[in-house]
Amino acid sequence: MGADGNGHEKEKRFPIGYVALATGLSPHVIRAWERRYRAVAPQRRGKNRRMYSEDDIARLNCLKRARLHGGRIGSLVVLDDASLGRMDRDAFMSAGQPHGESAEAPRPESAFDCLRACDRAVRSMDDMALWSALERAGAQLSRSSLIEDVVAPLMHGIGDEWAAKRLGIAHEHFASNVVRGFLSRLIVHGKVDERSPLMVVSTPAGQRCEIGAMAAAATAAECGWKVFYCGPDLPVEDIAAAAASKQAEAVCLSITCRPQGESMNRDFNRLRQQLGDEVRVFIGGQASVACGQTATASNFRYFSRLADFAGFISLPGSAV
């Protein structure tokens, strides 16, 4: 492992932050697997910075997939990449079981099962367990069910528990970071090709919560759209400029907080003027109903449910 076809070790040039994005593992988990199990062997450079190779990233991804299917990391690290790749789900479930024991095939999990597993992981602030529960939900549920029945109630529940002082702000920040990372991967791994239309996704100025926008972006990617996600809290002029630069066919905005006064009305009117009538504008989120009468142009459409949005934008060959 770690050598190319000429026997030379592949260059270790990726910092741990890049590896975390490429694998979906937190830096804490990567370091723990390195220290406890010698899963990979990074080089140290500069101020003791860990640097990893492409082979290290591939190895960590193999281990993560095996771990998500139930294998114990201590038993998996002794296997080479080829062996990990050949293992099917049943092998993963039995990896690490004491000799003579067999693991029963797991029953499919419902959205409620997945939500409960996510909640347990949040309460213990276990990033690997939370990621694993989200991965299982993504594999077993439709994209709209994953978000509406797992991600959304999870984040709402955390907010309620924090308000009741049963969870701390650290729990909310921890969960938000993991969920954002998970949704980011869904956005970039959509079912697109060179002919796919492009959608710009953001939240308007003053709307700082981005989970809803990222959920919409992930849904659009699953429905066959190329997605340019701009992040939250953008002035409408910047949103319009991004749409023009990318030659977008649609813009999607998430409205989570109820707007005050006439500010949203003014923003939407400016957005309509700058986009023209050719670019469609999709608006959703908890507070989108309050904006329903703000802009009545024919190219503006409001959605109260993600499933309705998915059904409306689905392209031939997509699955939602």
C-alpha atoms as a PDB file:
ATOM      1  CA  MET A   1       0.000   0.000   0.000  1.00  0.00           C
ATOM      2  CA  GLY A   2       1.161   3.558  -0.657  1.00  0.00           C
ATOM      3  CA  ALA A   3       3.272   2.785  -3.737  1.00  0.00           C
ATOM      4  CA  ASP A   4       2.657   3.375  -7.416  1.00  0.00           C
ATOM      5  CA  GLY A   5       3.349   0.937 -10.230  1.00  0.00           C
ATOM      6  CA  ASN A   6       7.088   1.723 -10.100  1.00  0.00           C
ATOM      7  CA  GLY A   7       7.325   0.938  -6.418  1.00  0.00           C
ATOM      8  CA  HIS A   8       7.559   4.572  -5.347  1.00  0.00           C
ATOM      9  CA  GLU A   9       5.469   5.698  -2.409  1.00  0.00           C
ATOM     10  CA  LYS A  10       2.744   8.093  -3.468  1.00  0.00           C
ATOM     11  CA  GLU A  11       3.312  11.632  -2.316  1.00  0.00           C
ATOM     12  CA  LYS A  12       1.744  12.531   1.000  1.00  0.00           C
ATOM     13  CA  ARG A  13       0.489  16.027   0.218  1.00  0.00           C
ATOM     14  CA  PHE A  14      -3.024  16.283   1.647  1.00  0.00           C
ATOM     15  CA  PRO A  15      -3.605  17.910   5.071  1.00  0.00           C
ATOM     16  CA  ILE A  16      -6.034  16.394   7.533  1.00  0.00           C
ATOM     17  CA  GLY A  17      -8.728  18.968   6.760  1.00  0.00           C
ATOM     18  CA  TYR A  18      -8.797  17.889   3.108  1.00  0.00           C
ATOM     19  CA  VAL A  19      -8.861  14.219   4.118  1.00  0.00           C
ATOM     20  CA  ALA A  20     -11.818  14.895   6.415  1.00  0.00           C
ATOM     21  CA  LEU A  21     -13.780  16.420   3.515  1.00  0.00           C
ATOM     22  CA  ALA A  22     -12.782  13.611   1.141  1.00  0.00           C
ATOM     23  CA  THR A  23     -13.804  10.825   3.512  1.00  0.00           C
ATOM     24  CA  GLY A  24     -16.562  12.305   5.657  1.00  0.00           C
ATOM     25  CA  LEU A  25     -14.583  11.318   8.767  1.00  0.00           C
ATOM     26  CA  SER A  26     -13.877  13.979  11.361  1.00  0.00           C
ATOM     27  CA  PRO A  27     -10.231  14.896  12.065  1.00  0.00           C
ATOM     28  CA  HIS A  28     -10.775  13.475  15.570  1.00  0.00           C
ATOM     29  CA  VAL A  29     -11.741  10.045  14.159  1.00  0.00           C
ATOM     30  CA  ILE A  30      -8.868  10.065  11.653  1.00  0.00           C
ATOM     31  CA  ARG A  31      -6.350  10.807  14.388  1.00  0.00           C
ATOM     32  CA  ALA A  32      -7.907   8.190  16.686  1.00  0.00           C
ATOM     33  CA  TRP A  33      -7.753   5.473  14.012  1.00  0.00           C
ATOM     34  CA  GLU A  34      -4.156   6.433  13.334  1.00  0.00           C
ATOM     35  CA  ARG A  35      -3.051   6.374  16.983  1.00  0.00           C
ATOM     36  CA  ARG A  36      -4.997   3.380  18.240  1.00  0.00           C
ATOM     37  CA  TYR A  37      -5.078   1.113  15.181  1.00  0.00           C
ATOM     38  CA  ARG A  38      -2.350   2.385  12.802  1.00  0.00           C
ATOM     39  CA  ALA A  39      -4.979   2.556  10.052  1.00  0.00           C
ATOM     40  CA  VAL A  40      -2.764   4.954   8.077  1.00  0.00           C
ATOM     41  CA  ALA A  41       0.694   6.412   8.566  1.00  0.00           C
ATOM     42  CA  PRO A  42       0.832  10.105   7.637  1.00  0.00           C
ATOM     43  CA  GLN A  43       4.022  12.067   7.317  1.00  0.00           C
ATOM     44  CA  ARG A  44       4.700  14.984   9.661  1.00  0.00           C
ATOM     45  CA  ARG A  45       5.735  18.281   8.113  1.00  0.00           C
ATOM     46  CA  GLY A  46       6.257  21.790   9.275  1.00  0.00           C
ATOM     47  CA  LYS A  47       4.684  22.399  12.649  1.00  0.00           C
ATOM     48  CA  ASN A  48       4.004  18.665  13.069  1.00  0.00           C
ATOM     49  CA  ARG A  49       1.230  18.793  10.446  1.00  0.00           C
ATOM     50  CA  ARG A  50      -0.089  15.442   9.307  1.00  0.00           C
ATOM     51  CA  MET A  51       0.049  14.912   5.525  1.00  0.00           C
ATOM     52  CA  TYR A  52      -1.713  12.039   3.735  1.00  0.00           C
ATOM     53  CA  SER A  53      -1.541  10.404   0.304  1.00  0.00           C
ATOM     54  CA  GLU A  54      -4.268   9.412  -2.144  1.00  0.00           C
ATOM     55  CA  ASP A  55      -3.789   5.817  -0.974  1.00  0.00           C
ATOM     56  CA  ASP A  56      -4.351   6.893   2.632  1.00  0.00           C
ATOM     57  CA  ILE A  57      -7.625   8.554   1.615  1.00  0.00           C
ATOM     58  CA  ALA A  58      -8.730   5.440  -0.304  1.00  0.00           C
ATOM     59  CA  ARG A  59      -7.831   3.260   2.688  1.00  0.00           C
ATOM     60  CA  LEU A  60      -9.823   5.424   5.098  1.00  0.00           C
ATOM     61  CA  ASN A  61     -12.825   5.335   2.767  1.00  0.00           C
ATOM     62  CA  CYS A  62     -12.654   1.528   2.626  1.00  0.00           C
ATOM     63  CA  LEU A  63     -12.505   1.338   6.402  1.00  0.00           C
ATOM     64  CA  LYS A  64     -15.344   3.814   6.802  1.00  0.00           C
ATOM     65  CA  ARG A  65     -17.653   1.827   4.490  1.00  0.00           C
ATOM     66  CA  ALA A  66     -16.845  -1.363   6.378  1.00  0.00           C
ATOM     67  CA  ARG A  67     -17.369   0.384   9.708  1.00  0.00           C
ATOM     68  CA  LEU A  68     -20.740   1.767   8.633  1.00  0.00           C
ATOM     69  CA  HIS A  69     -21.921  -1.767   7.901  1.00  0.00           C
ATOM     70  CA  GLY A  70     -21.149  -2.901  11.428  1.00  0.00           C
ATOM     71  CA  GLY A  71     -17.536  -4.067  11.331  1.00  0.00           C
ATOM     72  CA  ARG A  72     -15.301  -3.302  14.296  1.00  0.00           C
ATOM     73  CA  ILE A  73     -12.436  -1.048  13.361  1.00  0.00           C
ATOM     74  CA  GLY A  74      -9.947  -3.101  15.390  1.00  0.00           C
ATOM     75  CA  SER A  75     -10.774  -6.181  13.299  1.00  0.00           C
ATOM     76  CA  LEU A  76     -10.971  -4.342   9.981  1.00  0.00           C
ATOM     77  CA  VAL A  77      -7.587  -2.600  10.017  1.00  0.00           C
ATOM     78  CA  VAL A  78      -5.727  -5.933   9.694  1.00  0.00           C
ATOM     79  CA  LEU A  79      -7.356  -6.486   6.270  1.00  0.00           C
ATOM     80  CA  ASP A  80      -5.901  -5.100   3.057  1.00  0.00           C
ATOM     81  CA  ASP A  81      -7.916  -2.882   0.726  1.00  0.00           C
ATOM     82  CA  ALA A  82      -8.701  -5.713  -1.694  1.00  0.00           C
ATOM     83  CA  SER A  83     -10.135  -7.832   1.117  1.00  0.00           C
ATOM     84  CA  LEU A  84     -12.234  -4.946   2.376  1.00  0.00           C
ATOM     85  CA  GLY A  85     -13.518  -4.348  -1.147  1.00  0.00           C
ATOM     86  CA  ARG A  86     -14.615  -7.969  -1.518  1.00  0.00           C
ATOM     87  CA  MET A  87     -16.497  -8.074   1.725  1.00  0.00           C
ATOM     88  CA  ASP A  88     -20.275  -7.857   1.339  1.00  0.00           C
ATOM     89  CA  ARG A  89     -22.749  -6.580   3.891  1.00  0.00           C
ATOM     90  CA  ASP A  90     -23.055  -9.871   5.740  1.00  0.00           C
ATOM     91  CA  ALA A  91     -19.283 -10.079   6.074  1.00  0.00           C
ATOM     92  CA  PHE A  92     -19.212  -6.549   7.450  1.00  0.00           C
ATOM     93  CA  MET A  93     -21.853  -7.433  10.001  1.00  0.00           C
ATOM     94  CA  SER A  94     -19.867 -10.429  11.223  1.00  0.00           C
ATOM     95  CA  ALA A  95     -16.435  -8.782  11.162  1.00  0.00           C
ATOM     96  CA  GLY A  96     -15.210  -8.569  14.725  1.00  0.00           C
ATOM     97  CA  GLN A  97     -17.754 -11.045  16.129  1.00  0.00           C
ATOM     98  CA  PRO A  98     -16.273 -13.615  18.539  1.00  0.00           C
ATOM     99  CA  HIS A  99     -15.454 -16.939  16.898  1.00  0.00           C
ATOM    100  CA  GLY A 100     -18.483 -19.153  16.555  1.00  0.00           C
ATOM    101  CA  GLU A 101     -21.016 -16.338  16.733  1.00  0.00           C
ATOM    102  CA  SER A 102     -22.971 -15.164  13.734  1.00  0.00           C
ATOM    103  CA  ALA A 103     -24.686 -11.841  13.289  1.00  0.00           C
ATOM    104  CA  GLU A 104     -28.255 -11.797  12.134  1.00  0.00           C
ATOM    105  CA  ALA A 105     -29.013  -9.744   9.045  1.00  0.00           C
ATOM    106  CA  PRO A 106     -30.320  -6.389  10.249  1.00  0.00           C
ATOM    107  CA  ARG A 107     -33.907  -5.470   9.563  1.00  0.00           C
ATOM    108  CA  PRO A 108     -34.491  -2.369   7.440  1.00  0.00           C
ATOM    109  CA  GLU A 109     -34.697   0.741   9.569  1.00  0.00           C
ATOM    110  CA  SER A 110     -37.642   3.091   9.446  1.00  0.00           C
ATOM    111  CA  ALA A 111     -37.242   6.858   9.376  1.00  0.00           C
ATOM    112  CA  PHE A 112     -38.113   6.848  13.077  1.00  0.00           C
ATOM    113  CA  ASP A 113     -35.374   4.283  13.796  1.00  0.00           C
ATOM    114  CA  CYS A 114     -32.852   6.450  11.958  1.00  0.00           C
ATOM    115  CA  LEU A 115     -34.028   9.585  13.751  1.00  0.00           C
ATOM    116  CA  ARG A 116     -33.726   7.865  17.130  1.00  0.00           C
ATOM    117  CA  ALA A 117     -30.185   6.694  16.295  1.00  0.00           C
ATOM    118  CA  CYS A 118     -29.254  10.248  15.271  1.00  0.00           C
ATOM    119  CA  ASP A 119     -30.694  11.622  18.505  1.00  0.00           C
ATOM    120  CA  ARG A 120     -28.671   9.168  20.599  1.00  0.00           C
ATOM    121  CA  ALA A 121     -25.495  10.129  18.729  1.00  0.00           C
ATOM    122  CA  VAL A 122     -26.151  13.835  19.267  1.00  0.00           C
ATOM    123  CA  ARG A 123     -26.713  13.381  22.995  1.00  0.00           C
ATOM    124  CA  SER A 124     -23.409  11.532  23.322  1.00  0.00           C
ATOM    125  CA  MET A 125     -21.722  13.867  20.801  1.00  0.00           C
ATOM    126  CA  ASP A 126     -20.446  10.847  18.854  1.00  0.00           C
ATOM    127  CA  ASP A 127     -19.659  12.114  15.358  1.00  0.00           C
ATOM    128  CA  MET A 128     -18.993   8.675  13.868  1.00  0.00           C
ATOM    129  CA  ALA A 129     -22.292   7.317  15.190  1.00  0.00           C
ATOM    130  CA  LEU A 130     -24.195  10.344  13.863  1.00  0.00           C
ATOM    131  CA  TRP A 131     -22.594  10.066  10.445  1.00  0.00           C
ATOM    132  CA  SER A 132     -23.284   6.320  10.382  1.00  0.00           C
ATOM    133  CA  ALA A 133     -26.965   6.850  11.247  1.00  0.00           C
ATOM    134  CA  LEU A 134     -27.295   9.492   8.510  1.00  0.00           C
ATOM    135  CA  GLU A 135     -25.572   7.209   5.987  1.00  0.00           C
ATOM    136  CA  ARG A 136     -27.968   4.366   6.804  1.00  0.00           C
ATOM    137  CA  ALA A 137     -30.929   6.713   6.473  1.00  0.00           C
ATOM    138  CA  GLY A 138     -29.635   7.925   3.109  1.00  0.00           C
ATOM    139  CA  ALA A 139     -29.275   4.351   1.872  1.00  0.00           C
ATOM    140  CA  GLN A 140     -32.771   3.237   2.941  1.00  0.00           C
ATOM    141  CA  LEU A 141     -34.990   6.301   2.514  1.00  0.00           C
ATOM    142  CA  SER A 142     -35.915   8.535  -0.372  1.00  0.00           C
ATOM    143  CA  ARG A 143     -34.126  11.859  -0.436  1.00  0.00           C
ATOM    144  CA  SER A 144     -37.250  13.777   0.593  1.00  0.00           C
ATOM    145  CA  SER A 145     -37.976  11.316   3.444  1.00  0.00           C
ATOM    146  CA  LEU A 146     -34.346  11.475   4.602  1.00  0.00           C
ATOM    147  CA  ILE A 147     -34.598  15.230   4.976  1.00  0.00           C
ATOM    148  CA  GLU A 148     -38.232  15.696   6.031  1.00  0.00           C
ATOM    149  CA  ASP A 149     -38.427  12.693   8.372  1.00  0.00           C
ATOM    150  CA  VAL A 150     -34.890  12.571   9.766  1.00  0.00           C
ATOM    151  CA  VAL A 151     -32.764  15.697   9.245  1.00  0.00           C
ATOM    152  CA  ALA A 152     -35.485  18.327   9.782  1.00  0.00           C
ATOM    153  CA  PRO A 153     -37.059  16.794  12.928  1.00  0.00           C
ATOM    154  CA  LEU A 154     -33.579  16.090  14.308  1.00  0.00           C
ATOM    155  CA  MET A 155     -32.550  19.747  14.039  1.00  0.00           C
ATOM    156  CA  HIS A 156     -35.928  21.019  15.265  1.00  0.00           C
ATOM    157  CA  GLY A 157     -35.757  18.645  18.217  1.00  0.00           C
ATOM    158  CA  ILE A 158     -32.265  19.791  19.130  1.00  0.00           C
ATOM    159  CA  GLY A 159     -33.497  23.395  19.103  1.00  0.00           C
ATOM    160  CA  ASP A 160     -36.411  22.520  21.359  1.00  0.00           C
ATOM    161  CA  GLU A 161     -34.192  20.579  23.751  1.00  0.00           C
ATOM    162  CA  TRP A 162     -31.709  23.449  23.886  1.00  0.00           C
ATOM    163  CA  ALA A 163     -34.513  25.929  24.652  1.00  0.00           C
ATOM    164  CA  ALA A 164     -35.635  23.631  27.484  1.00  0.00           C
ATOM    165  CA  LYS A 165     -32.010  23.474  28.739  1.00  0.00           C
ATOM    166  CA  ARG A 166     -31.855  19.710  28.267  1.00  0.00           C
ATOM    167  CA  LEU A 167     -29.087  20.057  25.646  1.00  0.00           C
ATOM    168  CA  GLY A 168     -26.271  22.572  25.441  1.00  0.00           C
ATOM    169  CA  ILE A 169     -25.257  24.849  22.614  1.00  0.00           C
ATOM    170  CA  ALA A 170     -22.292  22.521  22.047  1.00  0.00           C
ATOM    171  CA  HIS A 171     -24.737  19.774  21.060  1.00  0.00           C
ATOM    172  CA  GLU A 172     -26.400  22.078  18.515  1.00  0.00           C
ATOM    173  CA  HIS A 173     -23.088  23.184  17.032  1.00  0.00           C
ATOM    174  CA  PHE A 174     -21.814  19.600  16.912  1.00  0.00           C
ATOM    175  CA  ALA A 175     -24.947  18.309  15.159  1.00  0.00           C
ATOM    176  CA  SER A 176     -25.061  21.225  12.708  1.00  0.00           C
ATOM    177  CA  ASN A 177     -21.441  20.651  11.686  1.00  0.00           C
ATOM    178  CA  VAL A 178     -21.971  16.954  11.024  1.00  0.00           C
ATOM    179  CA  VAL A 179     -25.272  17.497   9.185  1.00  0.00           C
ATOM    180  CA  ARG A 180     -23.748  20.235   7.012  1.00  0.00           C
ATOM    181  CA  GLY A 181     -20.882  17.917   6.097  1.00  0.00           C
ATOM    182  CA  PHE A 182     -23.298  15.106   5.272  1.00  0.00           C
ATOM    183  CA  LEU A 183     -25.508  17.326   3.102  1.00  0.00           C
ATOM    184  CA  SER A 184     -22.442  18.758   1.348  1.00  0.00           C
ATOM    185  CA  ARG A 185     -21.515  15.286   0.151  1.00  0.00           C
ATOM    186  CA  LEU A 186     -25.041  14.700  -1.126  1.00  0.00           C
ATOM    187  CA  ILE A 187     -24.857  17.948  -3.095  1.00  0.00           C
ATOM    188  CA  VAL A 188     -21.608  17.102  -4.878  1.00  0.00           C
ATOM    189  CA  HIS A 189     -22.581  13.485  -5.592  1.00  0.00           C
ATOM    190  CA  GLY A 190     -25.807  14.224  -7.470  1.00  0.00           C
ATOM    191  CA  LYS A 191     -27.049  12.430 -10.580  1.00  0.00           C
ATOM    192  CA  VAL A 192     -25.953  14.944 -13.202  1.00  0.00           C
ATOM    193  CA  ASP A 193     -24.351  15.035 -16.633  1.00  0.00           C
ATOM    194  CA  GLU A 194     -23.173  17.757 -18.982  1.00  0.00           C
ATOM    195  CA  ARG A 195     -26.736  18.411 -20.184  1.00  0.00           C
ATOM    196  CA  SER A 196     -28.186  18.927 -16.712  1.00  0.00           C
ATOM    197  CA  PRO A 197     -29.654  22.389 -16.012  1.00  0.00           C
ATOM    198  CA  LEU A 198     -28.089  24.446 -13.247  1.00  0.00           C
ATOM    199  CA  MET A 199     -29.718  25.785 -10.090  1.00  0.00           C
ATOM    200  CA  VAL A 200     -28.252  28.409  -7.751  1.00  0.00           C
ATOM    201  CA  VAL A 201     -29.185  27.788  -4.099  1.00  0.00           C
ATOM    202  CA  SER A 202     -28.804  30.210  -1.198  1.00  0.00           C
ATOM    203  CA  THR A 203     -30.649  32.108   1.522  1.00  0.00           C
ATOM    204  CA  PRO A 204     -31.358  35.858   1.262  1.00  0.00           C
ATOM    205  CA  ALA A 205     -29.685  38.458   3.450  1.00  0.00           C
ATOM    206  CA  GLY A 206     -30.642  38.060   7.104  1.00  0.00           C
ATOM    207  CA  GLN A 207     -31.430  34.354   6.728  1.00  0.00           C
ATOM    208  CA  ARG A 208     -28.412  32.753   8.407  1.00  0.00           C
ATOM    209  CA  CYS A 209     -29.652  29.183   8.898  1.00  0.00           C
ATOM    210  CA  GLU A 210     -28.429  27.142   5.952  1.00  0.00           C
ATOM    211  CA  ILE A 211     -29.555  23.585   6.726  1.00  0.00           C
ATOM    212  CA  GLY A 212     -32.803  24.088   4.786  1.00  0.00           C
ATOM    213  CA  ALA A 213     -30.963  25.536   1.794  1.00  0.00           C
ATOM    214  CA  MET A 214     -28.473  22.669   1.816  1.00  0.00           C
ATOM    215  CA  ALA A 215     -31.336  20.170   2.037  1.00  0.00           C
ATOM    216  CA  ALA A 216     -32.961  21.777  -1.006  1.00  0.00           C
ATOM    217  CA  ALA A 217     -29.624  21.732  -2.840  1.00  0.00           C
ATOM    218  CA  ALA A 218     -29.127  18.026  -2.070  1.00  0.00           C
ATOM    219  CA  THR A 219     -32.661  17.307  -3.277  1.00  0.00           C
ATOM    220  CA  ALA A 220     -32.087  19.215  -6.517  1.00  0.00           C
ATOM    221  CA  ALA A 221     -28.843  17.291  -7.110  1.00  0.00           C
ATOM    222  CA  GLU A 222     -30.702  14.001  -6.610  1.00  0.00           C
ATOM    223  CA  CYS A 223     -33.327  15.177  -9.091  1.00  0.00           C
ATOM    224  CA  GLY A 224     -30.705  15.650 -11.794  1.00  0.00           C
ATOM    225  CA  TRP A 225     -29.792  19.329 -11.459  1.00  0.00           C
ATOM    226  CA  LYS A 226     -26.306  20.748 -11.320  1.00  0.00           C
ATOM    227  CA  VAL A 227     -26.202  22.778  -8.145  1.00  0.00           C
ATOM    228  CA  PHE A 228     -24.193  25.871  -7.332  1.00  0.00           C
ATOM    229  CA  TYR A 229     -24.566  26.334  -3.599  1.00  0.00           C
ATOM    230  CA  CYS A 230     -23.628  29.879  -2.537  1.00  0.00           C
ATOM    231  CA  GLY A 231     -23.991  29.572   1.225  1.00  0.00           C
ATOM    232  CA  PRO A 232     -26.367  31.565   3.443  1.00  0.00           C
ATOM    233  CA  ASP A 233     -27.147  35.228   4.067  1.00  0.00           C
ATOM    234  CA  LEU A 234     -26.500  36.696   0.594  1.00  0.00           C
ATOM    235  CA  PRO A 235     -27.827  40.000  -0.787  1.00  0.00           C
ATOM    236  CA  VAL A 236     -30.136  39.411  -3.745  1.00  0.00           C
ATOM    237  CA  GLU A 237     -27.708  41.272  -6.017  1.00  0.00           C
ATOM    238  CA  ASP A 238     -25.059  38.619  -5.348  1.00  0.00           C
ATOM    239  CA  ILE A 239     -27.565  35.816  -5.873  1.00  0.00           C
ATOM    240  CA  ALA A 240     -28.609  37.327  -9.205  1.00  0.00           C
ATOM    241  CA  ALA A 241     -24.960  37.815 -10.197  1.00  0.00           C
ATOM    242  CA  ALA A 242     -24.208  34.149  -9.433  1.00  0.00           C
ATOM    243  CA  ALA A 243     -27.214  33.065 -11.518  1.00  0.00           C
ATOM    244  CA  ALA A 244     -26.047  35.206 -14.441  1.00  0.00           C
ATOM    245  CA  SER A 245     -22.445  34.016 -14.165  1.00  0.00           C
ATOM    246  CA  LYS A 246     -23.478  30.358 -14.097  1.00  0.00           C
ATOM    247  CA  GLN A 247     -26.240  30.773 -16.697  1.00  0.00           C
ATOM    248  CA  ALA A 248     -28.613  29.210 -14.207  1.00  0.00           C
ATOM    249  CA  GLU A 249     -32.095  28.130 -15.210  1.00  0.00           C
ATOM    250  CA  ALA A 250     -33.377  28.402 -11.636  1.00  0.00           C
ATOM    251  CA  VAL A 251     -32.697  29.960  -8.255  1.00  0.00           C
ATOM    252  CA  CYS A 252     -33.782  28.308  -4.995  1.00  0.00           C
ATOM    253  CA  LEU A 253     -34.061  30.297  -1.754  1.00  0.00           C
ATOM    254  CA  SER A 254     -34.661  28.981   1.759  1.00  0.00           C
ATOM    255  CA  ILE A 255     -36.579  31.241   4.157  1.00  0.00           C
ATOM    256  CA  THR A 256     -36.352  29.962   7.731  1.00  0.00           C
ATOM    257  CA  CYS A 257     -36.939  33.105   9.805  1.00  0.00           C
ATOM    258  CA  ARG A 258     -40.083  35.152   9.326  1.00  0.00           C
ATOM    259  CA  PRO A 259     -39.061  38.406   7.607  1.00  0.00           C
ATOM    260  CA  GLN A 260     -39.735  41.714   9.305  1.00  0.00           C
ATOM    261  CA  GLY A 261     -41.617  44.569   7.624  1.00  0.00           C
ATOM    262  CA  GLU A 262     -41.272  45.084   3.887  1.00  0.00           C
ATOM    263  CA  SER A 263     -37.617  44.059   3.544  1.00  0.00           C
ATOM    264  CA  MET A 264     -38.387  40.712   1.892  1.00  0.00           C
ATOM    265  CA  ASN A 265     -40.862  42.323  -0.475  1.00  0.00           C
ATOM    266  CA  ARG A 266     -38.198  44.788  -1.606  1.00  0.00           C
ATOM    267  CA  ASP A 267     -35.606  42.030  -1.935  1.00  0.00           C
ATOM    268  CA  PHE A 268     -37.860  39.854  -4.075  1.00  0.00           C
ATOM    269  CA  ASN A 269     -38.814  42.756  -6.319  1.00  0.00           C
ATOM    270  CA  ARG A 270     -35.132  43.551  -6.913  1.00  0.00           C
ATOM    271  CA  LEU A 271     -34.384  39.881  -7.541  1.00  0.00           C
ATOM    272  CA  ARG A 272     -37.243  39.655 -10.043  1.00  0.00           C
ATOM    273  CA  GLN A 273     -35.968  42.722 -11.891  1.00  0.00           C
ATOM    274  CA  GLN A 274     -32.405  41.445 -12.076  1.00  0.00           C
ATOM    275  CA  LEU A 275     -33.220  37.866 -13.056  1.00  0.00           C
ATOM    276  CA  GLY A 276     -35.952  38.653 -15.554  1.00  0.00           C
ATOM    277  CA  ASP A 277     -38.735  36.221 -16.392  1.00  0.00           C
ATOM    278  CA  GLU A 278     -36.581  33.451 -17.852  1.00  0.00           C
ATOM    279  CA  VAL A 279     -35.037  32.240 -14.585  1.00  0.00           C
ATOM    280  CA  ARG A 280     -37.418  30.345 -12.330  1.00  0.00           C
ATOM    281  CA  VAL A 281     -37.337  31.110  -8.608  1.00  0.00           C
ATOM    282  CA  PHE A 282     -38.231  28.423  -6.062  1.00  0.00           C
ATOM    283  CA  ILE A 283     -38.854  29.502  -2.467  1.00  0.00           C
ATOM    284  CA  GLY A 284     -39.268  27.168   0.493  1.00  0.00           C
ATOM    285  CA  GLY A 285     -38.584  26.838   4.190  1.00  0.00           C
ATOM    286  CA  GLN A 286     -40.438  27.242   7.466  1.00  0.00           C
ATOM    287  CA  ALA A 287     -41.286  30.891   6.846  1.00  0.00           C
ATOM    288  CA  SER A 288     -41.888  30.685   3.104  1.00  0.00           C
ATOM    289  CA  VAL A 289     -45.679  30.643   3.539  1.00  0.00           C
ATOM    290  CA  ALA A 290     -45.439  34.135   5.035  1.00  0.00           C
ATOM    291  CA  CYS A 291     -43.712  35.247   1.837  1.00  0.00           C
ATOM    292  CA  GLY A 292     -46.271  33.666  -0.456  1.00  0.00           C
ATOM    293  CA  GLN A 293     -47.883  36.933  -1.454  1.00  0.00           C
ATOM    294  CA  THR A 294     -44.654  38.927  -1.583  1.00  0.00           C
ATOM    295  CA  ALA A 295     -43.745  38.146  -5.165  1.00  0.00           C
ATOM    296  CA  THR A 296     -46.457  37.016  -7.534  1.00  0.00           C
ATOM    297  CA  ALA A 297     -44.462  36.865 -10.762  1.00  0.00           C
ATOM    298  CA  SER A 298     -45.185  33.838 -12.919  1.00  0.00           C
ATOM    299  CA  ASN A 299     -41.624  32.555 -12.499  1.00  0.00           C
ATOM    300  CA  PHE A 300     -41.840  32.545  -8.664  1.00  0.00           C
ATOM    301  CA  ARG A 301     -43.128  29.367  -7.023  1.00  0.00           C
ATOM    302  CA  TYR A 302     -43.497  28.565  -3.311  1.00  0.00           C
ATOM    303  CA  PHE A 303     -43.214  25.140  -1.672  1.00  0.00           C
ATOM    304  CA  SER A 304     -44.228  24.239   1.847  1.00  0.00           C
ATOM    305  CA  ARG A 305     -42.922  20.649   1.584  1.00  0.00           C
ATOM    306  CA  LEU A 306     -39.645  19.352   0.220  1.00  0.00           C
ATOM    307  CA  ALA A 307     -41.427  16.396  -1.393  1.00  0.00           C
ATOM    308  CA  ASP A 308     -43.551  18.814  -3.456  1.00  0.00           C
ATOM    309  CA  PHE A 309     -40.399  20.676  -4.515  1.00  0.00           C
ATOM    310  CA  ALA A 310     -38.738  17.395  -5.502  1.00  0.00           C
ATOM    311  CA  GLY A 311     -41.745  16.289  -7.508  1.00  0.00           C
ATOM    312  CA  PHE A 312     -41.919  19.599  -9.349  1.00  0.00           C
ATOM    313  CA  ILE A 313     -38.240  19.807 -10.348  1.00  0.00           C
ATOM    314  CA  SER A 314     -37.583  16.115 -11.080  1.00  0.00           C
ATOM    315  CA  LEU A 315     -35.936  15.487 -14.414  1.00  0.00           C
ATOM    316  CA  PRO A 316     -36.318  12.321 -16.536  1.00  0.00           C
ATOM    317  CA  GLY A 317     -34.164   9.538 -15.133  1.00  0.00           C
ATOM    318  CA  SER A 318     -33.919  11.015 -11.654  1.00  0.00           C
ATOM    319  CA  ALA A 319     -35.053   9.234  -8.495  1.00  0.00           C
ATOM    320  CA  VAL A 320     -36.505  11.025  -5.472  1.00  0.00           C
END
